[in-house]
Amino acid sequence: MGIDIELKECVNENTLRYGIGELSEISSTKIQDQLILLEEYLQKFCMKQRQLNEQIKQSNKLSISSVSSGAKVPRSQINLNTNTLKLYIEKRIQEIEKDDILNINRTKKLKSEKGELSMYIDGLRQKVVDSFEMKLYIEKLEAENKRLIQQIEDRQKDIQKLEIENNKLRKEVADQNNKKIVSFS
């Protein structure tokens, strides 16, 4: 009866979380019972996965000691025959670990590579952001540069106009001075 109540509570929590509503408010008792049956199966499935995971972890622990006890060959015999029994066990363990039947080492390697790739991707993202910021900064400097070039060109035009006007004024002054000069002859 206690398991039934726990299952009902679990189903009720899930139906609320999934937006279905209270289990007791579902109009059909048949659907309520089916939801409980579904949850019971899913919990058994999860339990089986946990058990398999634990078995895999235990199967992964291969050592001279575990081989000795599993094969019922005394450890003392293995230690006495290092050139045969111990060497054989060590070489077989290496082969088995290299074969990686359960892909445990592959998973570790993939996790490591994933971490490295994540760091590389983060670095690339930062470079993209930095280059984008640099591009904006360069565009800002180019606009400033164009503005300054335009200012210089405007000043050069002003200087040319002033030089032309200055030359005209000098000529006028020279002409005025020539008219005022009286010859003494």
C-alpha atoms as a PDB file:
ATOM      1  CA  MET A   1       0.000   0.000   0.000  1.00  0.00           C
ATOM      2  CA  GLY A   2       2.910   2.383   0.816  1.00  0.00           C
ATOM      3  CA  ILE A   3       4.391   1.939  -2.652  1.00  0.00           C
ATOM      4  CA  ASP A   4       0.994   2.664  -4.202  1.00  0.00           C
ATOM      5  CA  ILE A   5       0.767   5.943  -2.263  1.00  0.00           C
ATOM      6  CA  GLU A   6       4.339   6.905  -3.245  1.00  0.00           C
ATOM      7  CA  LEU A   7       3.557   6.185  -6.897  1.00  0.00           C
ATOM      8  CA  LYS A   8       0.370   8.265  -6.717  1.00  0.00           C
ATOM      9  CA  GLU A   9       2.280  11.146  -5.116  1.00  0.00           C
ATOM     10  CA  CYS A  10       5.002  10.906  -7.769  1.00  0.00           C
ATOM     11  CA  VAL A  11       2.441  10.834 -10.592  1.00  0.00           C
ATOM     12  CA  ASN A  12       0.582  13.756  -9.001  1.00  0.00           C
ATOM     13  CA  GLU A  13       3.795  15.814  -8.788  1.00  0.00           C
ATOM     14  CA  ASN A  14       4.597  15.037 -12.426  1.00  0.00           C
ATOM     15  CA  THR A  15       1.098  15.780 -13.716  1.00  0.00           C
ATOM     16  CA  LEU A  16       1.210  19.128 -11.922  1.00  0.00           C
ATOM     17  CA  ARG A  17       4.701  19.860 -13.260  1.00  0.00           C
ATOM     18  CA  TYR A  18       3.690  18.922 -16.819  1.00  0.00           C
ATOM     19  CA  GLY A  19       0.585  21.110 -16.670  1.00  0.00           C
ATOM     20  CA  ILE A  20      -1.884  18.202 -16.705  1.00  0.00           C
ATOM     21  CA  GLY A  21      -3.319  19.071 -13.300  1.00  0.00           C
ATOM     22  CA  GLU A  22      -4.031  17.174 -10.062  1.00  0.00           C
ATOM     23  CA  LEU A  23      -4.193  13.407 -10.475  1.00  0.00           C
ATOM     24  CA  SER A  24      -7.393  13.274  -8.428  1.00  0.00           C
ATOM     25  CA  GLU A  25      -9.023  15.844 -10.739  1.00  0.00           C
ATOM     26  CA  ILE A  26      -8.571  13.676 -13.834  1.00  0.00           C
ATOM     27  CA  SER A  27     -12.112  12.564 -14.607  1.00  0.00           C
ATOM     28  CA  SER A  28     -11.362   9.005 -15.699  1.00  0.00           C
ATOM     29  CA  THR A  29     -10.165   6.591 -13.024  1.00  0.00           C
ATOM     30  CA  LYS A  30      -8.954   4.357 -15.831  1.00  0.00           C
ATOM     31  CA  ILE A  31      -6.563   7.105 -17.006  1.00  0.00           C
ATOM     32  CA  GLN A  32      -5.466   7.681 -13.385  1.00  0.00           C
ATOM     33  CA  ASP A  33      -4.663   3.963 -13.058  1.00  0.00           C
ATOM     34  CA  GLN A  34      -2.875   3.946 -16.408  1.00  0.00           C
ATOM     35  CA  LEU A  35      -0.763   6.938 -15.356  1.00  0.00           C
ATOM     36  CA  ILE A  36       0.228   5.028 -12.217  1.00  0.00           C
ATOM     37  CA  LEU A  37       1.083   1.935 -14.306  1.00  0.00           C
ATOM     38  CA  LEU A  38       3.174   4.091 -16.635  1.00  0.00           C
ATOM     39  CA  GLU A  39       5.061   5.621 -13.711  1.00  0.00           C
ATOM     40  CA  GLU A  40       5.634   2.197 -12.162  1.00  0.00           C
ATOM     41  CA  TYR A  41       7.166   0.930 -15.422  1.00  0.00           C
ATOM     42  CA  LEU A  42       9.303   4.060 -15.841  1.00  0.00           C
ATOM     43  CA  GLN A  43      10.606   3.785 -12.274  1.00  0.00           C
ATOM     44  CA  LYS A  44      11.506   0.112 -12.832  1.00  0.00           C
ATOM     45  CA  PHE A  45      13.233   1.106 -16.077  1.00  0.00           C
ATOM     46  CA  CYS A  46      15.281   3.784 -14.274  1.00  0.00           C
ATOM     47  CA  MET A  47      16.150   1.334 -11.513  1.00  0.00           C
ATOM     48  CA  LYS A  48      17.367  -1.193 -14.078  1.00  0.00           C
ATOM     49  CA  GLN A  49      19.519   1.482 -15.732  1.00  0.00           C
ATOM     50  CA  ARG A  50      21.064   2.356 -12.346  1.00  0.00           C
ATOM     51  CA  GLN A  51      21.786  -1.317 -11.697  1.00  0.00           C
ATOM     52  CA  LEU A  52      23.371  -1.721 -15.128  1.00  0.00           C
ATOM     53  CA  ASN A  53      25.445   1.391 -14.554  1.00  0.00           C
ATOM     54  CA  GLU A  54      26.671  -0.034 -11.252  1.00  0.00           C
ATOM     55  CA  GLN A  55      27.489  -3.367 -12.927  1.00  0.00           C
ATOM     56  CA  ILE A  56      29.422  -1.553 -15.634  1.00  0.00           C
ATOM     57  CA  LYS A  57      31.405   0.335 -13.000  1.00  0.00           C
ATOM     58  CA  GLN A  58      32.216  -2.952 -11.249  1.00  0.00           C
ATOM     59  CA  SER A  59      33.141  -4.607 -14.570  1.00  0.00           C
ATOM     60  CA  ASN A  60      35.531  -1.780 -15.319  1.00  0.00           C
ATOM     61  CA  LYS A  61      37.687  -2.497 -12.244  1.00  0.00           C
ATOM     62  CA  LEU A  62      40.138  -5.022 -13.645  1.00  0.00           C
ATOM     63  CA  SER A  63      43.293  -5.742 -11.665  1.00  0.00           C
ATOM     64  CA  ILE A  64      45.591  -8.638 -10.869  1.00  0.00           C
ATOM     65  CA  SER A  65      43.759  -9.084  -7.588  1.00  0.00           C
ATOM     66  CA  SER A  66      40.283  -9.128  -9.170  1.00  0.00           C
ATOM     67  CA  VAL A  67      41.422 -11.581 -11.872  1.00  0.00           C
ATOM     68  CA  SER A  68      43.046 -13.781  -9.234  1.00  0.00           C
ATOM     69  CA  SER A  69      39.921 -13.984  -7.079  1.00  0.00           C
ATOM     70  CA  GLY A  70      37.566 -14.245 -10.064  1.00  0.00           C
ATOM     71  CA  ALA A  71      39.547 -17.079 -11.649  1.00  0.00           C
ATOM     72  CA  LYS A  72      40.112 -18.715  -8.235  1.00  0.00           C
ATOM     73  CA  VAL A  73      43.880 -18.771  -8.780  1.00  0.00           C
ATOM     74  CA  PRO A  74      45.672 -18.001  -5.514  1.00  0.00           C
ATOM     75  CA  ARG A  75      47.483 -14.680  -5.475  1.00  0.00           C
ATOM     76  CA  SER A  76      50.533 -16.409  -4.022  1.00  0.00           C
ATOM     77  CA  GLN A  77      50.773 -18.584  -7.168  1.00  0.00           C
ATOM     78  CA  ILE A  78      50.603 -15.482  -9.371  1.00  0.00           C
ATOM     79  CA  ASN A  79      53.327 -13.794  -7.310  1.00  0.00           C
ATOM     80  CA  LEU A  80      55.530 -16.882  -7.505  1.00  0.00           C
ATOM     81  CA  ASN A  81      55.122 -17.129 -11.290  1.00  0.00           C
ATOM     82  CA  THR A  82      55.753 -13.528 -12.340  1.00  0.00           C
ATOM     83  CA  ASN A  83      57.144 -14.507 -15.753  1.00  0.00           C
ATOM     84  CA  THR A  84      54.049 -16.497 -16.697  1.00  0.00           C
ATOM     85  CA  LEU A  85      50.871 -15.963 -14.672  1.00  0.00           C
ATOM     86  CA  LYS A  86      51.447 -12.363 -13.629  1.00  0.00           C
ATOM     87  CA  LEU A  87      52.823 -11.374 -17.024  1.00  0.00           C
ATOM     88  CA  TYR A  88      49.853 -13.045 -18.739  1.00  0.00           C
ATOM     89  CA  ILE A  89      47.327 -11.250 -16.528  1.00  0.00           C
ATOM     90  CA  GLU A  90      49.029  -7.860 -16.995  1.00  0.00           C
ATOM     91  CA  LYS A  91      49.186  -8.236 -20.776  1.00  0.00           C
ATOM     92  CA  ARG A  92      45.556  -9.393 -21.008  1.00  0.00           C
ATOM     93  CA  ILE A  93      44.403  -6.489 -18.816  1.00  0.00           C
ATOM     94  CA  GLN A  94      46.233  -4.088 -21.130  1.00  0.00           C
ATOM     95  CA  GLU A  95      44.607  -5.655 -24.200  1.00  0.00           C
ATOM     96  CA  ILE A  96      41.141  -5.582 -22.633  1.00  0.00           C
ATOM     97  CA  GLU A  97      41.511  -1.965 -21.532  1.00  0.00           C
ATOM     98  CA  LYS A  98      42.781  -1.059 -24.994  1.00  0.00           C
ATOM     99  CA  ASP A  99      39.766  -2.770 -26.622  1.00  0.00           C
ATOM    100  CA  ASP A 100      37.526  -0.657 -24.344  1.00  0.00           C
ATOM    101  CA  ILE A 101      34.497  -2.864 -24.939  1.00  0.00           C
ATOM    102  CA  LEU A 102      32.241  -0.689 -22.763  1.00  0.00           C
ATOM    103  CA  ASN A 103      33.607   2.511 -24.325  1.00  0.00           C
ATOM    104  CA  ILE A 104      34.468   3.845 -20.881  1.00  0.00           C
ATOM    105  CA  ASN A 105      37.847   5.218 -21.941  1.00  0.00           C
ATOM    106  CA  ARG A 106      36.296   6.538 -25.128  1.00  0.00           C
ATOM    107  CA  THR A 107      33.724   8.405 -23.058  1.00  0.00           C
ATOM    108  CA  LYS A 108      36.452   9.898 -20.861  1.00  0.00           C
ATOM    109  CA  LYS A 109      38.419  10.853 -23.957  1.00  0.00           C
ATOM    110  CA  LEU A 110      35.345  12.415 -25.556  1.00  0.00           C
ATOM    111  CA  LYS A 111      34.611  14.401 -22.389  1.00  0.00           C
ATOM    112  CA  SER A 112      38.185  15.627 -22.343  1.00  0.00           C
ATOM    113  CA  GLU A 113      38.045  16.554 -26.029  1.00  0.00           C
ATOM    114  CA  LYS A 114      34.694  18.256 -25.477  1.00  0.00           C
ATOM    115  CA  GLY A 115      36.239  20.347 -22.708  1.00  0.00           C
ATOM    116  CA  GLU A 116      39.144  21.287 -24.950  1.00  0.00           C
ATOM    117  CA  LEU A 117      36.788  22.153 -27.798  1.00  0.00           C
ATOM    118  CA  SER A 118      34.642  24.247 -25.465  1.00  0.00           C
ATOM    119  CA  MET A 119      37.711  26.190 -24.390  1.00  0.00           C
ATOM    120  CA  TYR A 120      38.747  26.597 -28.039  1.00  0.00           C
ATOM    121  CA  ILE A 121      35.243  27.745 -29.015  1.00  0.00           C
ATOM    122  CA  ASP A 122      35.205  30.212 -26.108  1.00  0.00           C
ATOM    123  CA  GLY A 123      38.539  31.534 -27.337  1.00  0.00           C
ATOM    124  CA  LEU A 124      37.188  31.856 -30.865  1.00  0.00           C
ATOM    125  CA  ARG A 125      34.083  33.641 -29.600  1.00  0.00           C
ATOM    126  CA  GLN A 126      36.286  36.070 -27.717  1.00  0.00           C
ATOM    127  CA  LYS A 127      38.372  36.641 -30.834  1.00  0.00           C
ATOM    128  CA  VAL A 128      35.199  37.283 -32.862  1.00  0.00           C
ATOM    129  CA  VAL A 129      34.004  39.770 -30.254  1.00  0.00           C
ATOM    130  CA  ASP A 130      37.441  41.385 -30.120  1.00  0.00           C
ATOM    131  CA  SER A 131      37.663  41.609 -33.915  1.00  0.00           C
ATOM    132  CA  PHE A 132      34.140  43.059 -34.082  1.00  0.00           C
ATOM    133  CA  GLU A 133      35.064  45.661 -31.467  1.00  0.00           C
ATOM    134  CA  MET A 134      38.298  46.334 -33.349  1.00  0.00           C
ATOM    135  CA  LYS A 135      36.356  46.737 -36.600  1.00  0.00           C
ATOM    136  CA  LEU A 136      34.056  49.276 -34.931  1.00  0.00           C
ATOM    137  CA  TYR A 137      37.079  51.102 -33.510  1.00  0.00           C
ATOM    138  CA  ILE A 138      38.763  51.122 -36.928  1.00  0.00           C
ATOM    139  CA  GLU A 139      35.576  52.447 -38.566  1.00  0.00           C
ATOM    140  CA  LYS A 140      35.440  55.188 -35.931  1.00  0.00           C
ATOM    141  CA  LEU A 141      39.086  56.082 -36.585  1.00  0.00           C
ATOM    142  CA  GLU A 142      38.503  56.059 -40.352  1.00  0.00           C
ATOM    143  CA  ALA A 143      35.579  58.469 -39.940  1.00  0.00           C
ATOM    144  CA  GLU A 144      37.741  60.701 -37.726  1.00  0.00           C
ATOM    145  CA  ASN A 145      40.535  60.483 -40.284  1.00  0.00           C
ATOM    146  CA  LYS A 146      38.196  61.509 -43.129  1.00  0.00           C
ATOM    147  CA  ARG A 147      36.953  64.420 -41.045  1.00  0.00           C
ATOM    148  CA  LEU A 148      40.515  65.570 -40.343  1.00  0.00           C
ATOM    149  CA  ILE A 149      41.522  65.188 -44.008  1.00  0.00           C
ATOM    150  CA  GLN A 150      38.502  67.283 -45.003  1.00  0.00           C
ATOM    151  CA  GLN A 151      39.524  69.902 -42.428  1.00  0.00           C
ATOM    152  CA  ILE A 152      43.071  69.978 -43.822  1.00  0.00           C
ATOM    153  CA  GLU A 153      41.763  70.323 -47.391  1.00  0.00           C
ATOM    154  CA  ASP A 154      39.458  73.156 -46.300  1.00  0.00           C
ATOM    155  CA  ARG A 155      42.369  74.919 -44.561  1.00  0.00           C
ATOM    156  CA  GLN A 156      44.541  74.492 -47.650  1.00  0.00           C
ATOM    157  CA  LYS A 157      41.807  76.076 -49.795  1.00  0.00           C
ATOM    158  CA  ASP A 158      41.547  78.919 -47.258  1.00  0.00           C
ATOM    159  CA  ILE A 159      45.328  79.375 -47.402  1.00  0.00           C
ATOM    160  CA  GLN A 160      45.255  79.501 -51.228  1.00  0.00           C
ATOM    161  CA  LYS A 161      42.453  82.074 -51.166  1.00  0.00           C
ATOM    162  CA  LEU A 162      44.328  84.147 -48.602  1.00  0.00           C
ATOM    163  CA  GLU A 163      47.547  83.920 -50.623  1.00  0.00           C
ATOM    164  CA  ILE A 164      45.702  85.080 -53.762  1.00  0.00           C
ATOM    165  CA  GLU A 165      44.083  87.913 -51.833  1.00  0.00           C
ATOM    166  CA  ASN A 166      47.425  88.779 -50.227  1.00  0.00           C
ATOM    167  CA  ASN A 167      49.081  88.922 -53.651  1.00  0.00           C
ATOM    168  CA  LYS A 168      46.286  91.184 -54.952  1.00  0.00           C
ATOM    169  CA  LEU A 169      46.699  93.483 -51.968  1.00  0.00           C
ATOM    170  CA  ARG A 170      50.467  93.633 -52.417  1.00  0.00           C
ATOM    171  CA  LYS A 171      49.990  94.471 -56.044  1.00  0.00           C
ATOM    172  CA  GLU A 172      47.489  97.206 -55.150  1.00  0.00           C
ATOM    173  CA  VAL A 173      49.845  98.569 -52.504  1.00  0.00           C
ATOM    174  CA  ALA A 174      52.703  98.469 -54.987  1.00  0.00           C
ATOM    175  CA  ASP A 175      50.543 100.212 -57.574  1.00  0.00           C
ATOM    176  CA  GLN A 176      49.475 102.837 -55.041  1.00  0.00           C
ATOM    177  CA  ASN A 177      53.056 103.363 -54.021  1.00  0.00           C
ATOM    178  CA  ASN A 178      54.137 103.779 -57.662  1.00  0.00           C
ATOM    179  CA  LYS A 179      51.463 106.461 -58.194  1.00  0.00           C
ATOM    180  CA  LYS A 180      52.621 108.399 -55.166  1.00  0.00           C
ATOM    181  CA  ILE A 181      56.201 108.444 -56.206  1.00  0.00           C
ATOM    182  CA  VAL A 182      57.099 111.736 -57.795  1.00  0.00           C
ATOM    183  CA  SER A 183      60.049 111.880 -60.031  1.00  0.00           C
ATOM    184  CA  PHE A 184      62.611 114.680 -59.423  1.00  0.00           C
ATOM    185  CA  SER A 185      64.001 115.059 -62.749  1.00  0.00           C
END
